[in-house]
């Protein structure tokens, strides 16, 4: 009966929220234990095609080089991570901070909002076709930053030092085999 509910959601437009989890569950191999594998593949393909995720591509082209789409996604992720983690240099120091550290100072929801925005980089990595293991590592980076962010001063210092978004971009660069950008290079 669960499959009928999922098919009903396809037509109601709520599948946009269901398609990525379906893909992750399928990649982990859990959906095949409940439903026939051919049906799962067909359902996931249908879901991706009808929610705007049909342009899902592997990050590698036929010759082993990063595809043009993957490089565009990496460029967007680099810019976004730079904005969140390293856009502003503190005067008189070599330390850079971004919107994540500044907005994180806002009591109440600043850290929550910035933690949610960090998932944009993971979403771009998923669209590039990064393996589930690397996607989980990226989510782990965000989770570490978000967990420590609840402590008022320590969380803000961790935002400045840890830079989860820049770490996630470095994971993407490493997987694609492209040289790291100046911002993600370890000093």
Protein backbone atom coordinates (compact mmCIF):
# COMPACT_ATOMS: atom_id res chain seq x y z
CA UNK A 1 0.00 0.00 0.00
CA UNK A 2 2.95 2.36 0.49
CA UNK A 3 3.61 2.37 -3.26
CA UNK A 4 0.07 3.61 -3.96
CA UNK A 5 0.59 6.49 -1.57
CA UNK A 6 3.88 7.38 -3.29
CA UNK A 7 2.25 7.25 -6.71
CA UNK A 8 -0.53 9.47 -5.41
CA UNK A 9 2.05 12.00 -4.26
CA UNK A 10 3.58 12.10 -7.75
CA UNK A 11 0.43 13.71 -9.09
CA UNK A 12 -0.05 16.05 -6.13
CA UNK A 13 3.36 17.67 -6.62
CA UNK A 14 4.80 16.60 -3.28
CA UNK A 15 7.28 14.20 -4.86
CA UNK A 16 9.83 16.99 -4.99
CA UNK A 17 10.38 16.24 -1.30
CA UNK A 18 10.33 12.47 -1.82
CA UNK A 19 12.62 12.03 -4.87
CA UNK A 20 16.00 12.64 -3.18
CA UNK A 21 15.23 10.31 -0.23
CA UNK A 22 14.05 7.63 -2.70
CA UNK A 23 17.37 7.85 -4.48
CA UNK A 24 19.34 7.65 -1.22
CA UNK A 25 17.27 4.72 0.06
CA UNK A 26 17.68 2.96 -3.29
CA UNK A 27 21.44 3.58 -3.22
CA UNK A 28 21.62 2.06 0.25
CA UNK A 29 19.76 -1.00 -1.08
CA UNK A 30 16.90 -0.90 1.41
CA UNK A 31 14.02 -0.29 -1.00
CA UNK A 32 14.71 -3.49 -2.97
CA UNK A 33 14.11 -5.57 0.17
CA UNK A 34 10.52 -4.31 0.28
CA UNK A 35 9.64 -3.92 -3.42
CA UNK A 36 10.76 -5.67 -6.62
CA UNK A 37 14.02 -4.11 -7.94
CA UNK A 38 12.62 -3.37 -11.41
CA UNK A 39 9.70 -1.48 -9.88
CA UNK A 40 12.03 0.53 -7.62
CA UNK A 41 14.24 1.55 -10.55
CA UNK A 42 11.21 2.53 -12.59
CA UNK A 43 9.62 4.46 -9.72
CA UNK A 44 12.84 6.35 -8.96
CA UNK A 45 13.45 7.16 -12.63
CA UNK A 46 9.85 8.38 -12.97
CA UNK A 47 10.17 10.45 -9.80
CA UNK A 48 13.40 12.09 -10.93
CA UNK A 49 12.07 12.79 -14.41
CA UNK A 50 8.87 14.46 -13.18
CA UNK A 51 10.33 16.69 -10.47
CA UNK A 52 12.99 18.63 -12.36
CA UNK A 53 15.75 16.22 -11.36
CA UNK A 54 15.95 14.68 -14.82
CA UNK A 55 19.24 16.49 -15.51
CA UNK A 56 20.94 14.35 -12.86
CA UNK A 57 24.31 13.46 -14.36
CA UNK A 58 27.48 11.78 -13.31
CA UNK A 59 30.31 14.23 -12.70
CA UNK A 60 32.60 12.40 -15.13
CA UNK A 61 32.35 12.56 -18.92
CA UNK A 62 33.09 9.62 -21.22
CA UNK A 63 36.82 10.44 -21.39
CA UNK A 64 37.21 10.50 -17.59
CA UNK A 65 37.41 14.28 -17.38
CA UNK A 66 34.89 16.29 -15.32
CA UNK A 67 31.82 17.14 -17.38
CA UNK A 68 30.98 20.75 -18.18
CA UNK A 69 27.85 20.47 -16.02
CA UNK A 70 29.90 19.19 -13.07
CA UNK A 71 32.39 22.05 -13.42
CA UNK A 72 29.54 24.60 -13.48
CA UNK A 73 28.06 23.05 -10.34
CA UNK A 74 31.47 23.06 -8.66
CA UNK A 75 31.92 26.74 -9.52
CA UNK A 76 28.53 27.60 -8.00
CA UNK A 77 29.31 25.55 -4.89
CA UNK A 78 32.73 27.24 -4.53
CA UNK A 79 31.17 30.71 -4.72
CA UNK A 80 28.45 29.82 -2.23
CA UNK A 81 30.90 28.20 0.21
CA UNK A 82 33.21 31.20 -0.06
CA UNK A 83 30.31 33.54 0.73
CA UNK A 84 29.30 31.47 3.77
CA UNK A 85 32.80 30.77 5.10
CA UNK A 86 35.45 33.20 3.84
CA UNK A 87 34.04 36.36 2.23
CA UNK A 88 35.44 38.89 4.72
CA UNK A 89 39.02 39.21 5.98
CA UNK A 90 39.29 40.36 9.58
CA UNK A 91 41.45 43.53 9.57
CA UNK A 92 45.02 42.99 10.71
CA UNK A 93 44.79 39.18 10.55
CA UNK A 94 44.88 36.37 7.99
CA UNK A 95 41.55 35.09 9.34
CA UNK A 96 38.57 35.10 7.01
CA UNK A 97 34.94 34.86 8.05
CA UNK A 98 31.76 34.59 6.08
CA UNK A 99 28.04 34.99 6.45
CA UNK A 100 27.87 31.76 8.47
CA UNK A 101 29.92 33.21 11.34
CA UNK A 102 28.20 36.61 11.22
CA UNK A 103 24.59 35.42 10.96
CA UNK A 104 25.38 32.71 13.52
CA UNK A 105 25.77 35.48 16.10
CA UNK A 106 22.05 36.22 15.85
CA UNK A 107 20.44 34.56 18.86
CA UNK A 108 17.68 32.06 18.26
CA UNK A 109 17.75 30.97 14.66
CA UNK A 110 20.89 32.33 13.02
CA UNK A 111 22.82 29.09 13.32
CA UNK A 112 19.81 27.03 12.24
CA UNK A 113 19.27 29.09 9.10
CA UNK A 114 22.94 28.93 8.15
CA UNK A 115 23.05 25.18 8.82
CA UNK A 116 20.14 24.67 6.44
CA UNK A 117 21.74 26.88 3.79
CA UNK A 118 24.87 24.71 4.00
CA UNK A 119 22.89 21.85 2.47
CA UNK A 120 22.96 23.67 -0.88
CA UNK A 121 26.55 22.49 -1.39
CA UNK A 122 25.50 18.91 -0.59
CA UNK A 123 22.60 19.21 -3.02
CA UNK A 124 24.96 20.34 -5.81
CA UNK A 125 27.25 17.39 -4.97
CA UNK A 126 24.29 15.01 -5.18
CA UNK A 127 23.33 16.45 -8.56
CA UNK A 128 26.93 15.88 -9.72
CA UNK A 129 26.63 12.21 -8.79
CA UNK A 130 28.97 11.98 -5.80
CA UNK A 131 28.84 8.59 -4.07
CA UNK A 132 26.62 8.20 -1.01
CA UNK A 133 29.67 7.75 1.24
CA UNK A 134 30.99 11.19 0.30
CA UNK A 135 27.55 12.79 0.60
CA UNK A 136 27.27 11.39 4.11
CA UNK A 137 30.73 12.78 4.95
CA UNK A 138 29.56 16.19 3.76
CA UNK A 139 26.40 15.96 5.86
CA UNK A 140 28.62 14.94 8.80
CA UNK A 141 30.70 18.12 8.36
CA UNK A 142 27.54 20.19 8.54
CA UNK A 143 26.28 18.19 11.54
CA UNK A 144 29.52 18.76 13.47
CA UNK A 145 29.36 22.49 12.82
CA UNK A 146 25.65 22.65 13.73
CA UNK A 147 26.11 20.59 16.92
CA UNK A 148 28.87 22.82 18.29
CA UNK A 149 27.08 25.94 17.06
CA UNK A 150 24.53 25.65 19.87
CA UNK A 151 27.23 26.69 22.37
CA UNK A 152 27.26 30.51 22.17
CA UNK A 153 30.95 31.45 21.93
CA UNK A 154 32.51 28.08 21.04
CA UNK A 155 30.11 27.65 18.12
CA UNK A 156 31.05 31.00 16.62
CA UNK A 157 34.76 30.23 16.97
CA UNK A 158 34.22 26.85 15.33
CA UNK A 159 32.45 28.56 12.42
CA UNK A 160 35.60 30.60 11.86
CA UNK A 161 37.99 27.65 12.20
CA UNK A 162 36.12 24.59 10.86
CA UNK A 163 34.52 26.00 7.66
CA UNK A 164 32.27 23.03 6.86
CA UNK A 165 31.21 24.43 3.49
CA UNK A 166 34.79 24.87 2.29
CA UNK A 167 35.56 21.32 3.48
CA UNK A 168 32.59 20.06 1.49
CA UNK A 169 33.77 21.85 -1.65
CA UNK A 170 37.21 20.26 -1.13
CA UNK A 171 35.49 16.83 -1.07
CA UNK A 172 33.81 17.68 -4.38
CA UNK A 173 37.09 18.89 -5.93
CA UNK A 174 38.91 15.76 -4.78
CA UNK A 175 36.22 13.47 -6.22
CA UNK A 176 36.27 15.29 -9.57
CA UNK A 177 40.06 15.30 -9.64
CA UNK A 178 40.33 19.04 -10.23
CA UNK A 179 42.96 21.17 -8.50
CA UNK A 180 41.67 22.79 -5.32
CA UNK A 181 40.76 26.45 -5.43
CA UNK A 182 42.87 28.90 -3.45
CA UNK A 183 40.11 29.17 -0.83
CA UNK A 184 39.89 25.42 -0.17
CA UNK A 185 43.63 24.72 -0.20
CA UNK A 186 45.09 23.87 3.20
CA UNK A 187 47.60 26.46 4.30
